[in-house]
């Protein structure tokens, strides 16, 4: 159980840290209006780190199914949904987290399980 909890924390930390770094380095506001190019860059960047988070989760948790990856996806989507309703401004980053990044975290685990 401790391995699963640690895996979820590590997977979520990868997702959140990468997001914070992207927005700090770029100077963009995640709730502000931005160019389509930056939104596409964010989609690709976030998908890569969500896949990595799901993969690291599986490496740590060492499960034989994706159940724990579903937990991570629910956490990502849950916080994004909360932010969607509480934050002012544009919601493009929350929508990406809900509909792209959360499912990508499941795919990261899937890739590792299929490889093994």
N, C-alpha and C. Protein backbone atom coordinates (compact mmCIF):
# COMPACT_ATOMS: atom_id res chain seq x y z
N UNK A 1 0.81 -1.20 0.00
CA UNK A 1 0.00 0.00 0.00
C UNK A 1 0.86 1.26 0.00
N UNK A 2 1.94 1.27 0.78
CA UNK A 2 2.83 2.43 0.83
C UNK A 2 3.46 2.69 -0.53
N UNK A 3 3.75 1.61 -1.24
CA UNK A 3 4.33 1.76 -2.58
C UNK A 3 3.34 2.41 -3.53
N UNK A 4 2.08 2.06 -3.42
CA UNK A 4 1.05 2.66 -4.28
C UNK A 4 0.87 4.14 -3.97
N UNK A 5 0.81 4.47 -2.70
CA UNK A 5 0.65 5.88 -2.31
C UNK A 5 1.85 6.69 -2.76
N UNK A 6 3.05 6.14 -2.55
CA UNK A 6 4.27 6.83 -2.99
C UNK A 6 4.29 7.01 -4.51
N UNK A 7 3.81 6.02 -5.22
CA UNK A 7 3.75 6.11 -6.68
C UNK A 7 2.81 7.21 -7.15
N UNK A 8 1.66 7.30 -6.51
CA UNK A 8 0.69 8.35 -6.88
C UNK A 8 1.28 9.73 -6.57
N UNK A 9 1.91 9.86 -5.41
CA UNK A 9 2.51 11.15 -5.05
C UNK A 9 3.60 11.52 -6.04
N UNK A 10 4.45 10.56 -6.40
CA UNK A 10 5.53 10.83 -7.36
C UNK A 10 4.96 11.18 -8.74
N UNK A 11 3.98 10.44 -9.19
CA UNK A 11 3.37 10.71 -10.50
C UNK A 11 2.73 12.08 -10.54
N UNK A 12 2.02 12.44 -9.48
CA UNK A 12 1.38 13.75 -9.43
C UNK A 12 2.43 14.86 -9.32
N UNK A 13 3.48 14.61 -8.55
CA UNK A 13 4.55 15.61 -8.40
C UNK A 13 5.22 15.90 -9.73
N UNK A 14 5.43 14.87 -10.53
CA UNK A 14 6.01 15.06 -11.87
C UNK A 14 5.10 15.95 -12.71
N UNK A 15 3.82 15.66 -12.69
CA UNK A 15 2.85 16.44 -13.46
C UNK A 15 2.83 17.90 -12.99
N UNK A 16 2.71 18.11 -11.69
CA UNK A 16 2.59 19.47 -11.16
C UNK A 16 3.90 20.26 -11.33
N UNK A 17 5.02 19.64 -11.00
CA UNK A 17 6.31 20.34 -11.10
C UNK A 17 6.58 20.76 -12.55
N UNK A 18 6.29 19.89 -13.49
CA UNK A 18 6.53 20.24 -14.89
C UNK A 18 5.64 21.40 -15.32
N UNK A 19 4.40 21.42 -14.83
CA UNK A 19 3.48 22.52 -15.16
C UNK A 19 3.96 23.84 -14.58
N UNK A 20 4.37 23.81 -13.32
CA UNK A 20 4.85 25.02 -12.67
C UNK A 20 6.08 25.56 -13.41
N UNK A 21 6.99 24.66 -13.75
CA UNK A 21 8.21 25.07 -14.47
C UNK A 21 7.85 25.70 -15.81
N UNK A 22 6.96 25.07 -16.57
CA UNK A 22 6.57 25.60 -17.88
C UNK A 22 6.02 27.02 -17.76
N UNK A 23 5.10 27.23 -16.85
CA UNK A 23 4.47 28.54 -16.74
C UNK A 23 5.40 29.58 -16.14
N UNK A 24 6.29 29.19 -15.23
CA UNK A 24 7.25 30.14 -14.67
C UNK A 24 8.28 30.56 -15.72
N UNK A 25 8.83 29.59 -16.44
CA UNK A 25 9.86 29.88 -17.44
C UNK A 25 9.28 30.70 -18.60
N UNK A 26 8.07 30.36 -19.02
CA UNK A 26 7.48 31.05 -20.17
C UNK A 26 6.89 32.41 -19.80
N UNK A 27 6.57 32.58 -18.52
CA UNK A 27 5.93 33.83 -18.10
C UNK A 27 4.46 33.91 -18.46
N UNK A 28 3.90 32.81 -18.94
CA UNK A 28 2.49 32.77 -19.31
C UNK A 28 1.61 32.52 -18.09
N UNK A 29 0.42 33.04 -18.12
CA UNK A 29 -0.57 32.81 -17.08
C UNK A 29 -1.41 31.60 -17.49
N UNK A 30 -1.46 30.54 -16.65
CA UNK A 30 -2.25 29.36 -17.03
C UNK A 30 -3.74 29.63 -17.14
N UNK A 31 -4.19 30.76 -16.59
CA UNK A 31 -5.61 31.12 -16.67
C UNK A 31 -5.85 32.31 -17.57
N UNK A 32 -4.81 32.71 -18.28
CA UNK A 32 -4.92 33.87 -19.16
C UNK A 32 -5.02 33.47 -20.62
N UNK A 33 -5.31 34.44 -21.42
CA UNK A 33 -5.37 34.21 -22.87
C UNK A 33 -3.95 34.13 -23.40
N UNK A 34 -3.72 33.22 -24.30
CA UNK A 34 -2.40 33.03 -24.89
C UNK A 34 -2.55 32.58 -26.33
N UNK A 35 -1.44 32.47 -27.01
CA UNK A 35 -1.48 32.10 -28.43
C UNK A 35 -1.82 30.62 -28.61
N UNK A 36 -2.31 30.31 -29.78
CA UNK A 36 -2.61 28.92 -30.11
C UNK A 36 -1.34 28.08 -30.09
N UNK A 37 -0.23 28.67 -30.54
CA UNK A 37 1.04 27.97 -30.53
C UNK A 37 1.46 27.56 -29.13
N UNK A 38 1.29 28.45 -28.17
CA UNK A 38 1.66 28.12 -26.79
C UNK A 38 0.71 27.06 -26.23
N UNK A 39 -0.54 27.12 -26.60
CA UNK A 39 -1.49 26.10 -26.15
C UNK A 39 -1.10 24.73 -26.71
N UNK A 40 -0.68 24.68 -27.97
CA UNK A 40 -0.24 23.41 -28.56
C UNK A 40 1.04 22.91 -27.90
N UNK A 41 1.97 23.83 -27.64
CA UNK A 41 3.20 23.45 -26.93
C UNK A 41 2.86 22.90 -25.55
N UNK A 42 1.95 23.55 -24.85
CA UNK A 42 1.52 23.08 -23.54
C UNK A 42 0.88 21.70 -23.62
N UNK A 43 0.08 21.48 -24.65
CA UNK A 43 -0.57 20.18 -24.83
C UNK A 43 0.45 19.06 -25.01
N UNK A 44 1.44 19.31 -25.85
CA UNK A 44 2.48 18.29 -26.10
C UNK A 44 3.33 18.09 -24.84
N UNK A 45 3.79 19.19 -24.26
CA UNK A 45 4.63 19.16 -23.07
C UNK A 45 3.90 18.46 -21.91
N UNK A 46 2.66 18.86 -21.67
CA UNK A 46 1.88 18.26 -20.59
C UNK A 46 1.59 16.79 -20.81
N UNK A 47 1.36 16.42 -22.06
CA UNK A 47 1.10 15.01 -22.37
C UNK A 47 2.34 14.17 -22.09
N UNK A 48 3.50 14.66 -22.48
CA UNK A 48 4.75 13.94 -22.23
C UNK A 48 4.96 13.73 -20.74
N UNK A 49 4.79 14.79 -19.96
CA UNK A 49 5.01 14.67 -18.51
C UNK A 49 3.90 13.88 -17.81
N UNK A 50 2.70 13.89 -18.35
CA UNK A 50 1.64 13.05 -17.79
C UNK A 50 1.92 11.57 -18.07
N UNK A 51 2.38 11.28 -19.28
CA UNK A 51 2.79 9.91 -19.60
C UNK A 51 3.91 9.47 -18.66
N UNK A 52 4.89 10.35 -18.47
CA UNK A 52 6.01 10.04 -17.59
C UNK A 52 5.53 9.83 -16.15
N UNK A 53 4.62 10.66 -15.68
CA UNK A 53 4.07 10.49 -14.34
C UNK A 53 3.38 9.15 -14.16
N UNK A 54 2.60 8.74 -15.15
CA UNK A 54 1.93 7.43 -15.09
C UNK A 54 2.91 6.28 -15.15
N UNK A 55 3.95 6.44 -15.92
CA UNK A 55 4.99 5.42 -16.02
C UNK A 55 5.76 5.28 -14.71
N UNK A 56 6.16 6.41 -14.13
CA UNK A 56 6.88 6.39 -12.86
C UNK A 56 5.99 5.81 -11.76
N UNK A 57 4.72 6.15 -11.79
CA UNK A 57 3.78 5.58 -10.84
C UNK A 57 3.84 4.05 -10.89
N UNK A 58 3.78 3.49 -12.08
CA UNK A 58 3.82 2.03 -12.22
C UNK A 58 5.18 1.45 -11.79
N UNK A 59 6.26 2.16 -12.08
CA UNK A 59 7.59 1.69 -11.66
C UNK A 59 7.68 1.60 -10.14
N UNK A 60 7.09 2.56 -9.46
CA UNK A 60 7.13 2.57 -7.99
C UNK A 60 6.12 1.60 -7.40
N UNK A 61 4.88 1.64 -7.89
CA UNK A 61 3.80 0.84 -7.31
C UNK A 61 3.94 -0.65 -7.63
N UNK A 62 4.48 -0.96 -8.78
CA UNK A 62 4.67 -2.35 -9.23
C UNK A 62 3.38 -3.16 -9.18
N UNK A 63 2.34 -2.61 -9.77
CA UNK A 63 1.08 -3.33 -9.85
C UNK A 63 0.98 -4.03 -11.20
N UNK A 64 0.02 -4.92 -11.29
CA UNK A 64 -0.17 -5.66 -12.53
C UNK A 64 -1.40 -5.17 -13.30
N UNK A 65 -1.97 -4.05 -12.85
CA UNK A 65 -3.13 -3.47 -13.53
C UNK A 65 -3.03 -1.96 -13.48
N UNK A 66 -4.00 -1.31 -14.08
CA UNK A 66 -4.00 0.15 -14.19
C UNK A 66 -4.83 0.85 -13.12
N UNK A 67 -5.33 0.13 -12.13
CA UNK A 67 -6.22 0.73 -11.14
C UNK A 67 -5.59 1.96 -10.47
N UNK A 68 -4.33 1.87 -10.11
CA UNK A 68 -3.67 2.99 -9.43
C UNK A 68 -3.46 4.15 -10.39
N UNK A 69 -3.31 3.86 -11.69
CA UNK A 69 -3.22 4.93 -12.68
C UNK A 69 -4.55 5.67 -12.81
N UNK A 70 -5.64 4.95 -12.64
CA UNK A 70 -6.95 5.60 -12.65
C UNK A 70 -7.07 6.56 -11.47
N UNK A 71 -6.50 6.18 -10.33
CA UNK A 71 -6.51 7.06 -9.16
C UNK A 71 -5.75 8.36 -9.49
N UNK A 72 -4.57 8.22 -10.08
CA UNK A 72 -3.80 9.41 -10.46
C UNK A 72 -4.58 10.27 -11.45
N UNK A 73 -5.19 9.66 -12.43
CA UNK A 73 -5.98 10.41 -13.42
C UNK A 73 -7.14 11.14 -12.74
N UNK A 74 -7.79 10.49 -11.79
CA UNK A 74 -8.89 11.14 -11.07
C UNK A 74 -8.39 12.33 -10.24
N UNK A 75 -7.20 12.20 -9.67
CA UNK A 75 -6.64 13.31 -8.90
C UNK A 75 -6.31 14.48 -9.81
N UNK A 76 -5.67 14.19 -10.94
CA UNK A 76 -5.34 15.25 -11.91
C UNK A 76 -6.62 15.94 -12.39
N UNK A 77 -7.59 15.14 -12.81
CA UNK A 77 -8.85 15.70 -13.31
C UNK A 77 -9.63 16.39 -12.19
N UNK A 78 -9.58 15.84 -11.00
CA UNK A 78 -10.30 16.43 -9.87
C UNK A 78 -9.80 17.81 -9.51
N UNK A 79 -8.48 17.96 -9.39
CA UNK A 79 -7.93 19.28 -9.09
C UNK A 79 -8.18 20.26 -10.23
N UNK A 80 -8.10 19.78 -11.46
CA UNK A 80 -8.35 20.65 -12.61
C UNK A 80 -9.82 21.08 -12.64
N UNK A 81 -10.73 20.19 -12.30
CA UNK A 81 -12.15 20.52 -12.26
C UNK A 81 -12.43 21.55 -11.16
N UNK A 82 -11.83 21.34 -10.00
CA UNK A 82 -11.97 22.31 -8.91
C UNK A 82 -11.48 23.68 -9.36
N UNK A 83 -10.30 23.70 -9.99
CA UNK A 83 -9.73 24.96 -10.48
C UNK A 83 -10.61 25.58 -11.56
N UNK A 84 -11.19 24.73 -12.40
CA UNK A 84 -12.07 25.21 -13.46
C UNK A 84 -13.21 26.05 -12.90
N UNK A 85 -13.79 25.59 -11.80
CA UNK A 85 -14.93 26.29 -11.22
C UNK A 85 -14.54 27.43 -10.28
N UNK A 86 -13.32 27.41 -9.77
CA UNK A 86 -12.90 28.43 -8.81
C UNK A 86 -12.06 29.55 -9.43
N UNK A 87 -11.34 29.28 -10.49
CA UNK A 87 -10.41 30.27 -11.07
C UNK A 87 -11.15 31.22 -12.01
N UNK A 88 -10.65 32.41 -12.04
CA UNK A 88 -11.15 33.42 -12.98
C UNK A 88 -10.37 33.32 -14.27
N UNK A 89 -10.93 33.83 -15.34
CA UNK A 89 -10.21 33.90 -16.61
C UNK A 89 -10.50 32.74 -17.53
N UNK A 90 -9.56 32.48 -18.40
CA UNK A 90 -9.67 31.44 -19.41
C UNK A 90 -9.37 30.08 -18.80
N UNK A 91 -10.04 29.04 -19.26
CA UNK A 91 -9.91 27.71 -18.65
C UNK A 91 -9.24 26.68 -19.56
N UNK A 92 -8.46 27.13 -20.52
CA UNK A 92 -7.85 26.21 -21.46
C UNK A 92 -6.92 25.20 -20.79
N UNK A 93 -6.17 25.62 -19.78
CA UNK A 93 -5.22 24.70 -19.14
C UNK A 93 -5.95 23.64 -18.31
N UNK A 94 -7.04 24.02 -17.68
CA UNK A 94 -7.82 23.04 -16.92
C UNK A 94 -8.47 22.01 -17.84
N UNK A 95 -8.98 22.48 -18.97
CA UNK A 95 -9.58 21.56 -19.94
C UNK A 95 -8.57 20.57 -20.49
N UNK A 96 -7.36 21.06 -20.75
CA UNK A 96 -6.30 20.15 -21.18
C UNK A 96 -6.01 19.11 -20.11
N UNK A 97 -5.94 19.54 -18.86
CA UNK A 97 -5.65 18.60 -17.77
C UNK A 97 -6.74 17.54 -17.65
N UNK A 98 -7.98 17.96 -17.78
CA UNK A 98 -9.10 17.02 -17.62
C UNK A 98 -9.17 16.03 -18.79
N UNK A 99 -9.10 16.56 -20.02
CA UNK A 99 -9.39 15.72 -21.18
C UNK A 99 -8.16 15.14 -21.89
N UNK A 100 -6.97 15.65 -21.59
CA UNK A 100 -5.76 15.14 -22.25
C UNK A 100 -4.77 14.58 -21.24
N UNK A 101 -4.39 15.38 -20.24
CA UNK A 101 -3.32 14.97 -19.33
C UNK A 101 -3.74 13.83 -18.41
N UNK A 102 -4.95 13.86 -17.87
CA UNK A 102 -5.40 12.78 -16.99
C UNK A 102 -5.42 11.44 -17.75
N UNK A 103 -6.02 11.37 -18.95
CA UNK A 103 -5.96 10.10 -19.68
C UNK A 103 -4.53 9.70 -20.07
N UNK A 104 -3.67 10.67 -20.33
CA UNK A 104 -2.29 10.35 -20.69
C UNK A 104 -1.56 9.67 -19.53
N UNK A 105 -1.91 10.02 -18.29
CA UNK A 105 -1.27 9.37 -17.15
C UNK A 105 -1.64 7.88 -17.08
N UNK A 106 -2.81 7.55 -17.56
CA UNK A 106 -3.21 6.14 -17.64
C UNK A 106 -2.40 5.44 -18.73
N UNK A 107 -2.24 6.11 -19.87
CA UNK A 107 -1.46 5.53 -20.96
C UNK A 107 -0.01 5.27 -20.57
N UNK A 108 0.57 6.14 -19.74
CA UNK A 108 1.94 5.92 -19.28
C UNK A 108 2.07 4.61 -18.55
N UNK A 109 1.12 4.32 -17.67
CA UNK A 109 1.12 3.04 -16.98
C UNK A 109 0.87 1.88 -17.92
N UNK A 110 -0.01 2.09 -18.89
CA UNK A 110 -0.33 1.05 -19.87
C UNK A 110 0.92 0.65 -20.67
N UNK A 111 1.69 1.65 -21.10
CA UNK A 111 2.90 1.37 -21.88
C UNK A 111 3.88 0.51 -21.08
N UNK A 112 4.04 0.84 -19.80
CA UNK A 112 4.97 0.06 -18.97
C UNK A 112 4.45 -1.35 -18.74
N UNK A 113 3.17 -1.50 -18.47
CA UNK A 113 2.61 -2.84 -18.24
C UNK A 113 2.70 -3.69 -19.50
N UNK A 114 2.45 -3.12 -20.66
CA UNK A 114 2.52 -3.89 -21.90
C UNK A 114 3.95 -4.27 -22.25
N UNK A 115 4.91 -3.39 -21.87
CA UNK A 115 6.31 -3.69 -22.13
C UNK A 115 6.78 -4.87 -21.30
N UNK A 116 6.26 -4.96 -20.08
CA UNK A 116 6.65 -6.05 -19.20
C UNK A 116 5.73 -7.22 -19.44
